[in-house]
Amino acid sequence: MLAAVVFAILGLIELIVGLRFAFLLLGGNPASAFVNWIYTWSAPLVAPFEGIFNQHAVTAGTGVVVHSVFDWTALIALLVYAIIGGILGRLLAGV
């Protein structure tokens, strides 16, 4: 039961950060309400990983179009959250 909750939370985090990565890669317009919402909610999730590859997270104001960016920060966040969530889920599944 507890493992299912961990996997559900992990899935939500992975979805939000994954959408951030895809929108930045494909040049999503931050003036769009949904894209802006994804950027806003994913910013705290990727913040701990900023600067690992000497690339800062992309921030843009309303109405500013950011063209295609390969966001290493989001990619590392996806990987780390998957590893941590997998380990926690497996530990709690055994309980």
N, C-alpha and C. Protein backbone atom coordinates (compact mmCIF):
# COMPACT_ATOMS: atom_id res chain seq x y z
N MET A 1 0.82 -1.20 0.00
CA MET A 1 0.00 0.00 0.00
C MET A 1 0.86 1.26 0.00
N LEU A 2 1.84 1.29 0.91
CA LEU A 2 2.72 2.46 0.99
C LEU A 2 3.60 2.57 -0.26
N ALA A 3 3.99 1.44 -0.78
CA ALA A 3 4.80 1.45 -2.01
C ALA A 3 3.99 2.02 -3.17
N ALA A 4 2.71 1.73 -3.23
CA ALA A 4 1.85 2.27 -4.29
C ALA A 4 1.76 3.79 -4.21
N VAL A 5 1.71 4.31 -3.00
CA VAL A 5 1.67 5.77 -2.81
C VAL A 5 2.98 6.39 -3.28
N VAL A 6 4.10 5.77 -2.94
CA VAL A 6 5.41 6.27 -3.37
C VAL A 6 5.51 6.25 -4.89
N PHE A 7 5.06 5.17 -5.51
CA PHE A 7 5.12 5.08 -6.97
C PHE A 7 4.17 6.09 -7.63
N ALA A 8 3.04 6.37 -7.01
CA ALA A 8 2.11 7.37 -7.56
C ALA A 8 2.71 8.78 -7.50
N ILE A 9 3.33 9.10 -6.38
CA ILE A 9 3.98 10.41 -6.23
C ILE A 9 5.15 10.52 -7.19
N LEU A 10 5.92 9.46 -7.30
CA LEU A 10 7.04 9.44 -8.24
C LEU A 10 6.55 9.62 -9.67
N GLY A 11 5.47 8.97 -10.03
CA GLY A 11 4.91 9.11 -11.36
C GLY A 11 4.49 10.53 -11.67
N LEU A 12 3.89 11.20 -10.70
CA LEU A 12 3.48 12.60 -10.89
C LEU A 12 4.69 13.51 -11.06
N ILE A 13 5.72 13.29 -10.25
CA ILE A 13 6.96 14.09 -10.36
C ILE A 13 7.62 13.85 -11.71
N GLU A 14 7.71 12.59 -12.11
CA GLU A 14 8.32 12.25 -13.39
C GLU A 14 7.54 12.86 -14.55
N LEU A 15 6.21 12.87 -14.45
CA LEU A 15 5.38 13.45 -15.50
C LEU A 15 5.63 14.95 -15.64
N ILE A 16 5.64 15.66 -14.52
CA ILE A 16 5.83 17.11 -14.56
C ILE A 16 7.23 17.47 -15.07
N VAL A 17 8.25 16.81 -14.56
CA VAL A 17 9.62 17.10 -15.00
C VAL A 17 9.82 16.64 -16.45
N GLY A 18 9.22 15.52 -16.82
CA GLY A 18 9.32 15.04 -18.20
C GLY A 18 8.67 16.00 -19.19
N LEU A 19 7.52 16.55 -18.82
CA LEU A 19 6.88 17.55 -19.68
C LEU A 19 7.73 18.81 -19.79
N ARG A 20 8.36 19.20 -18.68
CA ARG A 20 9.26 20.36 -18.73
C ARG A 20 10.38 20.12 -19.74
N PHE A 21 10.98 18.94 -19.65
CA PHE A 21 12.07 18.60 -20.57
C PHE A 21 11.59 18.64 -22.02
N ALA A 22 10.43 18.03 -22.27
CA ALA A 22 9.90 17.99 -23.64
C ALA A 22 9.55 19.39 -24.15
N PHE A 23 8.91 20.20 -23.31
CA PHE A 23 8.54 21.55 -23.75
C PHE A 23 9.76 22.40 -24.04
N LEU A 24 10.79 22.29 -23.20
CA LEU A 24 12.00 23.06 -23.46
C LEU A 24 12.71 22.57 -24.71
N LEU A 25 12.72 21.25 -24.90
CA LEU A 25 13.39 20.69 -26.07
C LEU A 25 12.67 21.08 -27.37
N LEU A 26 11.36 21.13 -27.31
CA LEU A 26 10.58 21.44 -28.51
C LEU A 26 10.25 22.93 -28.63
N GLY A 27 10.75 23.75 -27.71
CA GLY A 27 10.53 25.20 -27.78
C GLY A 27 9.14 25.62 -27.37
N GLY A 28 8.61 25.01 -26.31
CA GLY A 28 7.28 25.36 -25.81
C GLY A 28 7.20 26.83 -25.42
N ASN A 29 6.11 27.47 -25.76
CA ASN A 29 5.92 28.90 -25.50
C ASN A 29 5.47 29.12 -24.06
N PRO A 30 6.28 29.81 -23.24
CA PRO A 30 5.90 30.04 -21.85
C PRO A 30 4.72 30.98 -21.69
N ALA A 31 4.28 31.64 -22.76
CA ALA A 31 3.08 32.47 -22.70
C ALA A 31 1.82 31.62 -22.67
N SER A 32 1.95 30.35 -23.08
CA SER A 32 0.82 29.42 -23.01
C SER A 32 0.58 29.08 -21.53
N ALA A 33 -0.67 29.09 -21.12
CA ALA A 33 -0.99 28.87 -19.70
C ALA A 33 -0.51 27.50 -19.21
N PHE A 34 -0.71 26.44 -20.00
CA PHE A 34 -0.32 25.11 -19.55
C PHE A 34 1.20 24.97 -19.47
N VAL A 35 1.91 25.46 -20.48
CA VAL A 35 3.38 25.38 -20.48
C VAL A 35 3.93 26.18 -19.31
N ASN A 36 3.39 27.35 -19.07
CA ASN A 36 3.82 28.18 -17.94
C ASN A 36 3.57 27.46 -16.61
N TRP A 37 2.42 26.78 -16.51
CA TRP A 37 2.10 26.03 -15.30
C TRP A 37 3.12 24.91 -15.07
N ILE A 38 3.46 24.21 -16.13
CA ILE A 38 4.46 23.13 -16.02
C ILE A 38 5.81 23.70 -15.60
N TYR A 39 6.25 24.80 -16.20
CA TYR A 39 7.52 25.43 -15.84
C TYR A 39 7.52 25.87 -14.38
N THR A 40 6.40 26.44 -13.93
CA THR A 40 6.31 26.94 -12.54
C THR A 40 6.36 25.78 -11.54
N TRP A 41 5.61 24.73 -11.80
CA TRP A 41 5.55 23.61 -10.86
C TRP A 41 6.80 22.73 -10.90
N SER A 42 7.49 22.72 -12.03
CA SER A 42 8.68 21.88 -12.12
C SER A 42 9.94 22.59 -11.64
N ALA A 43 9.91 23.91 -11.55
CA ALA A 43 11.11 24.66 -11.15
C ALA A 43 11.67 24.21 -9.79
N PRO A 44 10.84 24.05 -8.74
CA PRO A 44 11.40 23.59 -7.46
C PRO A 44 11.91 22.15 -7.51
N LEU A 45 11.35 21.35 -8.42
CA LEU A 45 11.76 19.95 -8.53
C LEU A 45 13.13 19.80 -9.20
N VAL A 46 13.47 20.71 -10.10
CA VAL A 46 14.77 20.64 -10.78
C VAL A 46 15.82 21.54 -10.13
N ALA A 47 15.40 22.41 -9.22
CA ALA A 47 16.33 23.36 -8.59
C ALA A 47 17.53 22.70 -7.91
N PRO A 48 17.36 21.58 -7.21
CA PRO A 48 18.54 20.97 -6.56
C PRO A 48 19.62 20.50 -7.53
N PHE A 49 19.28 20.37 -8.80
CA PHE A 49 20.22 19.83 -9.78
C PHE A 49 20.80 20.90 -10.70
N GLU A 50 20.45 22.16 -10.47
CA GLU A 50 20.97 23.24 -11.31
C GLU A 50 22.47 23.37 -11.12
N GLY A 51 23.16 23.61 -12.21
CA GLY A 51 24.59 23.85 -12.15
C GLY A 51 25.47 22.62 -12.21
N ILE A 52 24.89 21.45 -12.28
CA ILE A 52 25.71 20.23 -12.35
C ILE A 52 26.57 20.25 -13.60
N PHE A 53 25.97 20.63 -14.72
CA PHE A 53 26.71 20.71 -15.97
C PHE A 53 26.98 22.15 -16.37
N ASN A 54 27.02 23.04 -15.40
CA ASN A 54 27.32 24.46 -15.61
C ASN A 54 26.30 25.10 -16.55
N GLN A 55 25.07 24.59 -16.52
CA GLN A 55 23.97 25.16 -17.29
C GLN A 55 22.87 25.47 -16.29
N HIS A 56 22.41 26.69 -16.30
CA HIS A 56 21.34 27.07 -15.39
C HIS A 56 20.00 26.80 -16.05
N ALA A 57 19.00 26.57 -15.23
CA ALA A 57 17.66 26.34 -15.76
C ALA A 57 17.21 27.56 -16.55
N VAL A 58 16.47 27.33 -17.58
CA VAL A 58 16.01 28.40 -18.44
C VAL A 58 14.80 29.07 -17.80
N THR A 59 14.86 30.37 -17.65
CA THR A 59 13.71 31.11 -17.16
C THR A 59 13.38 32.18 -18.18
N ALA A 60 12.13 32.38 -18.39
CA ALA A 60 11.69 33.39 -19.35
C ALA A 60 10.42 34.03 -18.84
N GLY A 61 10.27 35.28 -19.14
CA GLY A 61 9.07 36.00 -18.71
C GLY A 61 7.89 35.68 -19.61
N THR A 62 6.75 36.17 -19.20
CA THR A 62 5.53 35.96 -19.98
C THR A 62 5.67 36.59 -21.35
N GLY A 63 5.32 35.85 -22.35
CA GLY A 63 5.37 36.35 -23.72
C GLY A 63 6.70 36.17 -24.40
N VAL A 64 7.69 35.66 -23.69
CA VAL A 64 9.01 35.44 -24.28
C VAL A 64 9.08 34.01 -24.78
N VAL A 65 9.39 33.83 -26.03
CA VAL A 65 9.47 32.50 -26.62
C VAL A 65 10.90 32.01 -26.52
N VAL A 66 11.08 30.86 -25.87
CA VAL A 66 12.39 30.25 -25.75
C VAL A 66 12.46 29.14 -26.79
N HIS A 67 13.42 29.21 -27.66
CA HIS A 67 13.55 28.20 -28.69
C HIS A 67 14.20 26.95 -28.09
N SER A 68 14.31 25.92 -28.83
CA SER A 68 14.74 24.61 -28.38
C SER A 68 15.96 24.65 -27.47
N VAL A 69 15.81 24.06 -26.27
CA VAL A 69 16.88 23.99 -25.28
C VAL A 69 16.94 22.56 -24.76
N PHE A 70 18.13 21.97 -24.76
CA PHE A 70 18.31 20.65 -24.15
C PHE A 70 18.63 20.89 -22.69
N ASP A 71 17.66 20.65 -21.82
CA ASP A 71 17.78 20.96 -20.40
C ASP A 71 18.38 19.77 -19.64
N TRP A 72 19.69 19.83 -19.44
CA TRP A 72 20.39 18.77 -18.71
C TRP A 72 19.88 18.68 -17.28
N THR A 73 19.49 19.81 -16.70
CA THR A 73 19.01 19.82 -15.32
C THR A 73 17.77 18.93 -15.17
N ALA A 74 16.83 19.05 -16.08
CA ALA A 74 15.62 18.23 -16.02
C ALA A 74 15.94 16.76 -16.28
N LEU A 75 16.85 16.51 -17.17
CA LEU A 75 17.23 15.12 -17.48
C LEU A 75 17.85 14.43 -16.26
N ILE A 76 18.74 15.13 -15.58
CA ILE A 76 19.36 14.58 -14.36
C ILE A 76 18.30 14.40 -13.27
N ALA A 77 17.39 15.37 -13.14
CA ALA A 77 16.32 15.26 -12.15
C ALA A 77 15.46 14.03 -12.42
N LEU A 78 15.11 13.79 -13.67
CA LEU A 78 14.33 12.60 -14.02
C LEU A 78 15.05 11.33 -13.59
N LEU A 79 16.32 11.25 -13.85
CA LEU A 79 17.11 10.07 -13.51
C LEU A 79 17.21 9.88 -11.99
N VAL A 80 17.52 10.94 -11.27
CA VAL A 80 17.69 10.84 -9.81
C VAL A 80 16.36 10.49 -9.13
N TYR A 81 15.27 11.16 -9.53
CA TYR A 81 13.97 10.85 -8.93
C TYR A 81 13.55 9.41 -9.22
N ALA A 82 13.84 8.91 -10.41
CA ALA A 82 13.50 7.52 -10.74
C ALA A 82 14.29 6.55 -9.86
N ILE A 83 15.56 6.82 -9.66
CA ILE A 83 16.39 5.93 -8.83
C ILE A 83 15.92 5.97 -7.38
N ILE A 84 15.73 7.16 -6.83
CA ILE A 84 15.31 7.29 -5.43
C ILE A 84 13.92 6.68 -5.22
N GLY A 85 13.00 6.99 -6.13
CA GLY A 85 11.66 6.44 -6.02
C GLY A 85 11.63 4.93 -6.15
N GLY A 86 12.44 4.39 -7.05
CA GLY A 86 12.51 2.94 -7.22
C GLY A 86 13.03 2.25 -5.98
N ILE A 87 14.07 2.83 -5.40
CA ILE A 87 14.65 2.25 -4.18
C ILE A 87 13.63 2.31 -3.02
N LEU A 88 13.02 3.48 -2.82
CA LEU A 88 12.03 3.61 -1.74
C LEU A 88 10.84 2.68 -1.95
N GLY A 89 10.37 2.60 -3.18
CA GLY A 89 9.24 1.74 -3.47
C GLY A 89 9.53 0.28 -3.21
N ARG A 90 10.71 -0.16 -3.59
CA ARG A 90 11.09 -1.56 -3.37
C ARG A 90 11.26 -1.86 -1.87
N LEU A 91 11.85 -0.90 -1.14
CA LEU A 91 12.00 -1.09 0.30
C LEU A 91 10.66 -1.17 1.00
N LEU A 92 9.73 -0.29 0.60
CA LEU A 92 8.41 -0.28 1.23
C LEU A 92 7.55 -1.45 0.78
N ALA A 93 7.80 -1.98 -0.39
CA ALA A 93 7.04 -3.14 -0.87
C ALA A 93 7.38 -4.39 -0.05
N GLY A 94 8.60 -4.43 0.46
CA GLY A 94 9.03 -5.57 1.27
C GLY A 94 8.54 -5.50 2.70
N VAL A 95 7.98 -4.38 3.11
CA VAL A 95 7.52 -4.20 4.50
C VAL A 95 6.18 -4.80 4.71
